[in-house]
Amino acid sequence: MTKAQKTRNREFLKDLRANEKKAIGKMRSARGGRCCLCVAFDTACRLGFKSYDKSWDYEALPPEEMASFYGWPSRNPELDGHLASEHNDGGCGTPRKSHKAIADLLEKQFLSKK
């Protein structure tokens, strides 16, 4: 992971920990909630990411290019044996986690010294 990608991840984690309203089962809710991956996309756009997928409508996963922006293996990275979206929504054997808990998993996976 490059220095720029680490900086982007730190910004995203700060935004994720600050986000109180959560969306379940989709990227954005009508009440202003956001999935953890939607927060990642919004942070990436704030930091200069240009989506190549102009059709992305917050109902599906963010564009695949977002993974390389952050230095992740995919746009929905696996954390502790489950996809980030599964931690957000619950399912596949994992309970729903808060955005703060997901941020902790992301930090451990991508920013901790190995």
C-alpha atoms as a PDB file:
ATOM      1  CA  MET A   1       0.000   0.000   0.000  1.00  0.00           C
ATOM      2  CA  THR A   2       1.371   3.400  -0.968  1.00  0.00           C
ATOM      3  CA  LYS A   3       1.721   6.352   1.377  1.00  0.00           C
ATOM      4  CA  ALA A   4      -1.116   8.110  -0.490  1.00  0.00           C
ATOM      5  CA  GLN A   5      -3.388   5.070  -0.076  1.00  0.00           C
ATOM      6  CA  LYS A   6      -2.621   4.934   3.662  1.00  0.00           C
ATOM      7  CA  THR A   7      -3.501   8.625   3.966  1.00  0.00           C
ATOM      8  CA  ARG A   8      -6.770   8.021   2.096  1.00  0.00           C
ATOM      9  CA  ASN A   9      -7.595   5.088   4.391  1.00  0.00           C
ATOM     10  CA  ARG A  10      -7.003   7.224   7.479  1.00  0.00           C
ATOM     11  CA  GLU A  11      -9.354   9.896   6.122  1.00  0.00           C
ATOM     12  CA  PHE A  12     -11.984   7.275   5.332  1.00  0.00           C
ATOM     13  CA  LEU A  13     -11.692   5.719   8.815  1.00  0.00           C
ATOM     14  CA  LYS A  14     -12.107   9.137  10.409  1.00  0.00           C
ATOM     15  CA  ASP A  15     -15.255   9.731   8.319  1.00  0.00           C
ATOM     16  CA  LEU A  16     -16.588   6.234   9.039  1.00  0.00           C
ATOM     17  CA  ARG A  17     -16.142   6.620  12.790  1.00  0.00           C
ATOM     18  CA  ALA A  18     -17.916   9.989  12.656  1.00  0.00           C
ATOM     19  CA  ASN A  19     -20.898   8.651  10.672  1.00  0.00           C
ATOM     20  CA  GLU A  20     -23.781   7.889  13.007  1.00  0.00           C
ATOM     21  CA  LYS A  21     -26.600   7.153  10.533  1.00  0.00           C
ATOM     22  CA  LYS A  22     -26.350   3.722   9.010  1.00  0.00           C
ATOM     23  CA  ALA A  23     -28.039   2.210   5.951  1.00  0.00           C
ATOM     24  CA  ILE A  24     -28.828  -1.499   5.972  1.00  0.00           C
ATOM     25  CA  GLY A  25     -29.223  -3.512   2.767  1.00  0.00           C
ATOM     26  CA  LYS A  26     -28.377  -0.655   0.413  1.00  0.00           C
ATOM     27  CA  MET A  27     -25.777   2.057   0.046  1.00  0.00           C
ATOM     28  CA  ARG A  28     -27.953   5.012   1.161  1.00  0.00           C
ATOM     29  CA  SER A  29     -31.229   5.207   3.020  1.00  0.00           C
ATOM     30  CA  ALA A  30     -33.958   7.780   2.473  1.00  0.00           C
ATOM     31  CA  ARG A  31     -33.295   9.073   5.998  1.00  0.00           C
ATOM     32  CA  GLY A  32     -29.679   9.903   5.223  1.00  0.00           C
ATOM     33  CA  GLY A  33     -28.021   6.728   6.474  1.00  0.00           C
ATOM     34  CA  ARG A  34     -25.023   5.316   4.656  1.00  0.00           C
ATOM     35  CA  CYS A  35     -23.456   1.869   4.365  1.00  0.00           C
ATOM     36  CA  CYS A  36     -19.763   1.670   5.291  1.00  0.00           C
ATOM     37  CA  LEU A  37     -18.919   1.321   1.572  1.00  0.00           C
ATOM     38  CA  CYS A  38     -20.965   4.399   0.710  1.00  0.00           C
ATOM     39  CA  VAL A  39     -18.950   6.337   3.298  1.00  0.00           C
ATOM     40  CA  ALA A  40     -15.803   5.013   1.584  1.00  0.00           C
ATOM     41  CA  PHE A  41     -17.073   6.187  -1.805  1.00  0.00           C
ATOM     42  CA  ASP A  42     -18.075   9.625  -0.506  1.00  0.00           C
ATOM     43  CA  THR A  43     -14.694  10.070   1.198  1.00  0.00           C
ATOM     44  CA  ALA A  44     -12.890   8.959  -1.962  1.00  0.00           C
ATOM     45  CA  CYS A  45     -14.825  11.517  -4.030  1.00  0.00           C
ATOM     46  CA  ARG A  46     -13.995  14.242  -1.492  1.00  0.00           C
ATOM     47  CA  LEU A  47     -10.326  13.273  -1.844  1.00  0.00           C
ATOM     48  CA  GLY A  48     -10.363  13.498  -5.636  1.00  0.00           C
ATOM     49  CA  PHE A  49     -11.496  10.045  -6.793  1.00  0.00           C
ATOM     50  CA  LYS A  50     -13.198  10.244 -10.156  1.00  0.00           C
ATOM     51  CA  SER A  51     -15.691   7.464 -10.666  1.00  0.00           C
ATOM     52  CA  TYR A  52     -15.458   5.839 -14.068  1.00  0.00           C
ATOM     53  CA  ASP A  53     -18.879   4.294 -13.534  1.00  0.00           C
ATOM     54  CA  LYS A  54     -21.269   7.214 -13.944  1.00  0.00           C
ATOM     55  CA  SER A  55     -24.242   4.864 -13.639  1.00  0.00           C
ATOM     56  CA  TRP A  56     -23.463   4.022 -10.018  1.00  0.00           C
ATOM     57  CA  ASP A  57     -26.632   4.868  -8.112  1.00  0.00           C
ATOM     58  CA  TYR A  58     -25.997   3.929  -4.467  1.00  0.00           C
ATOM     59  CA  GLU A  59     -28.041   0.734  -4.816  1.00  0.00           C
ATOM     60  CA  ALA A  60     -25.063  -1.421  -5.824  1.00  0.00           C
ATOM     61  CA  LEU A  61     -21.446  -1.627  -4.717  1.00  0.00           C
ATOM     62  CA  PRO A  62     -19.219   1.356  -5.488  1.00  0.00           C
ATOM     63  CA  PRO A  63     -17.138   1.278  -8.689  1.00  0.00           C
ATOM     64  CA  GLU A  64     -14.409  -1.379  -8.781  1.00  0.00           C
ATOM     65  CA  GLU A  65     -11.782   1.365  -9.276  1.00  0.00           C
ATOM     66  CA  MET A  66     -12.342   2.466  -5.686  1.00  0.00           C
ATOM     67  CA  ALA A  67     -10.377  -0.588  -4.506  1.00  0.00           C
ATOM     68  CA  SER A  68      -7.139   0.631  -6.069  1.00  0.00           C
ATOM     69  CA  PHE A  69      -7.773   4.161  -4.782  1.00  0.00           C
ATOM     70  CA  TYR A  70      -7.566   2.757  -1.238  1.00  0.00           C
ATOM     71  CA  GLY A  71      -5.178  -0.126  -1.964  1.00  0.00           C
ATOM     72  CA  TRP A  72      -7.782  -2.766  -1.128  1.00  0.00           C
ATOM     73  CA  PRO A  73      -7.996  -6.140  -2.907  1.00  0.00           C
ATOM     74  CA  SER A  74     -11.644  -5.414  -3.852  1.00  0.00           C
ATOM     75  CA  ARG A  75     -14.269  -2.708  -3.478  1.00  0.00           C
ATOM     76  CA  ASN A  76     -15.908  -4.809  -0.737  1.00  0.00           C
ATOM     77  CA  PRO A  77     -12.901  -6.113   1.201  1.00  0.00           C
ATOM     78  CA  GLU A  78     -12.953  -9.148   3.450  1.00  0.00           C
ATOM     79  CA  LEU A  79     -12.450  -8.337   7.127  1.00  0.00           C
ATOM     80  CA  ASP A  80     -12.127 -11.073   9.722  1.00  0.00           C
ATOM     81  CA  GLY A  81     -13.615 -13.669   7.368  1.00  0.00           C
ATOM     82  CA  HIS A  82     -16.623 -11.607   6.205  1.00  0.00           C
ATOM     83  CA  LEU A  83     -17.130  -8.925   3.594  1.00  0.00           C
ATOM     84  CA  ALA A  84     -17.333  -5.329   4.823  1.00  0.00           C
ATOM     85  CA  SER A  85     -20.965  -5.173   3.639  1.00  0.00           C
ATOM     86  CA  GLU A  86     -21.802  -8.281   5.705  1.00  0.00           C
ATOM     87  CA  HIS A  87     -20.409  -6.598   8.807  1.00  0.00           C
ATOM     88  CA  ASN A  88     -22.514  -3.540   7.966  1.00  0.00           C
ATOM     89  CA  ASP A  89     -25.781  -5.370   7.228  1.00  0.00           C
ATOM     90  CA  GLY A  90     -25.422  -8.528   9.293  1.00  0.00           C
ATOM     91  CA  GLY A  91     -25.715 -11.883   7.613  1.00  0.00           C
ATOM     92  CA  CYS A  92     -23.584 -14.806   6.543  1.00  0.00           C
ATOM     93  CA  GLY A  93     -22.974 -15.626  10.182  1.00  0.00           C
ATOM     94  CA  THR A  94     -21.960 -12.174  11.407  1.00  0.00           C
ATOM     95  CA  PRO A  95     -24.051  -9.738  13.462  1.00  0.00           C
ATOM     96  CA  ARG A  96     -24.398  -6.113  12.349  1.00  0.00           C
ATOM     97  CA  LYS A  97     -21.500  -4.003  13.516  1.00  0.00           C
ATOM     98  CA  SER A  98     -21.342  -0.283  14.138  1.00  0.00           C
ATOM     99  CA  HIS A  99     -19.333   1.865  11.777  1.00  0.00           C
ATOM    100  CA  LYS A 100     -16.801   2.365  14.572  1.00  0.00           C
ATOM    101  CA  ALA A 101     -16.351  -1.419  14.875  1.00  0.00           C
ATOM    102  CA  ILE A 102     -15.997  -1.779  11.091  1.00  0.00           C
ATOM    103  CA  ALA A 103     -13.425   1.039  11.112  1.00  0.00           C
ATOM    104  CA  ASP A 104     -11.456  -0.871  13.742  1.00  0.00           C
ATOM    105  CA  LEU A 105     -11.457  -3.990  11.526  1.00  0.00           C
ATOM    106  CA  LEU A 106     -10.387  -1.984   8.473  1.00  0.00           C
ATOM    107  CA  GLU A 107      -7.615  -0.305  10.434  1.00  0.00           C
ATOM    108  CA  LYS A 108      -6.353  -3.646  11.687  1.00  0.00           C
ATOM    109  CA  GLN A 109      -6.505  -5.173   8.187  1.00  0.00           C
ATOM    110  CA  PHE A 110      -4.948  -2.353   6.160  1.00  0.00           C
ATOM    111  CA  LEU A 111      -3.028   0.010   8.436  1.00  0.00           C
ATOM    112  CA  SER A 112      -1.584  -2.042  11.266  1.00  0.00           C
ATOM    113  CA  LYS A 113       2.082  -2.928  11.002  1.00  0.00           C
ATOM    114  CA  LYS A 114       2.545  -6.544  10.083  1.00  0.00           C
END
